[in-house]
Amino acid sequence: MAETLKKGSRVTGAARDKLAADLKKKYDSGASIRALAEETGRSYGFVHRMLTESGVVLRGRGGATRGKKAASV
């Protein structure tokens, strides 16, 4: 990301719209919320909220899910 925001600084107006668009584009091309949070220096919750405000349909969780193996035995 070209523009680095101060951690915890409020993002409003055009800067917020631009950040939301950048996050949406990167998420849609496969980046994880955690990766985007680390890249932008923002929290997971902030990135998650920006994506949902942008109308992004969030992907399901990846990785191992608990209980499947025990349920099938």
Protein backbone atom coordinates (compact mmCIF):
# COMPACT_ATOMS: atom_id res chain seq x y z
CA MET A 1 0.00 0.00 0.00
CA ALA A 2 1.51 3.32 -1.09
CA GLU A 3 -0.06 5.41 1.64
CA THR A 4 0.93 4.47 5.17
CA LEU A 5 -1.56 5.44 7.84
CA LYS A 6 -0.60 6.10 11.43
CA LYS A 7 -1.64 3.19 13.60
CA GLY A 8 -4.91 3.98 15.32
CA SER A 9 -5.48 7.20 13.38
CA ARG A 10 -9.05 7.88 12.29
CA VAL A 11 -9.68 7.30 8.61
CA THR A 12 -12.46 9.43 7.14
CA GLY A 13 -13.81 10.74 3.87
CA ALA A 14 -11.94 10.07 0.64
CA ALA A 15 -9.03 8.35 2.42
CA ARG A 16 -11.47 5.86 3.97
CA ASP A 17 -13.15 5.21 0.62
CA LYS A 18 -9.77 4.66 -1.03
CA LEU A 19 -8.61 2.33 1.75
CA ALA A 20 -11.88 0.38 1.57
CA ALA A 21 -11.52 0.02 -2.21
CA ASP A 22 -7.88 -1.14 -1.88
CA LEU A 23 -8.77 -3.67 0.82
CA LYS A 24 -11.74 -4.96 -1.21
CA LYS A 25 -9.61 -5.41 -4.33
CA LYS A 26 -6.86 -7.27 -2.42
CA TYR A 27 -9.34 -9.43 -0.49
CA ASP A 28 -11.20 -10.33 -3.69
CA SER A 29 -7.88 -11.37 -5.27
CA GLY A 30 -7.20 -13.80 -2.41
CA ALA A 31 -5.50 -11.90 0.44
CA SER A 32 -6.62 -12.86 3.95
CA ILE A 33 -8.03 -10.39 6.46
CA ARG A 34 -5.05 -11.09 8.74
CA ALA A 35 -2.58 -10.41 5.91
CA LEU A 36 -4.36 -7.14 5.06
CA ALA A 37 -4.39 -6.11 8.73
CA GLU A 38 -0.65 -6.72 9.00
CA GLU A 39 0.07 -4.93 5.72
CA THR A 40 -1.91 -1.83 6.67
CA GLY A 41 -0.91 -1.80 10.35
CA ARG A 42 -4.57 -1.90 11.37
CA SER A 43 -6.42 -4.40 13.54
CA TYR A 44 -8.19 -7.49 12.22
CA GLY A 45 -11.50 -6.00 13.41
CA PHE A 46 -10.88 -2.73 11.55
CA VAL A 47 -10.13 -4.53 8.28
CA HIS A 48 -13.12 -6.85 8.76
CA ARG A 49 -15.41 -3.85 9.32
CA MET A 50 -14.04 -1.98 6.29
CA LEU A 51 -14.64 -5.01 4.09
CA THR A 52 -18.20 -5.55 5.31
CA GLU A 53 -18.94 -1.82 4.87
CA SER A 54 -17.68 -2.18 1.29
CA GLY A 55 -20.21 -4.93 0.64
CA VAL A 56 -17.64 -7.72 0.34
CA VAL A 57 -18.98 -11.25 0.80
CA LEU A 58 -16.51 -12.73 3.26
CA ARG A 59 -15.07 -16.17 2.61
CA GLY A 60 -15.61 -19.01 5.04
CA ARG A 61 -12.91 -19.92 7.51
CA GLY A 62 -10.04 -22.02 6.23
CA GLY A 63 -7.89 -24.52 8.04
CA ALA A 64 -8.92 -27.30 10.37
CA THR A 65 -12.32 -27.06 11.96
CA ARG A 66 -12.96 -28.74 15.28
CA GLY A 67 -15.22 -31.70 15.76
CA LYS A 68 -15.48 -33.14 12.25
CA LYS A 69 -13.31 -36.18 12.89
CA ALA A 70 -15.01 -37.07 16.19
CA ALA A 71 -18.45 -36.67 14.63
CA SER A 72 -17.70 -39.08 11.77
CA VAL A 73 -16.28 -41.83 14.00
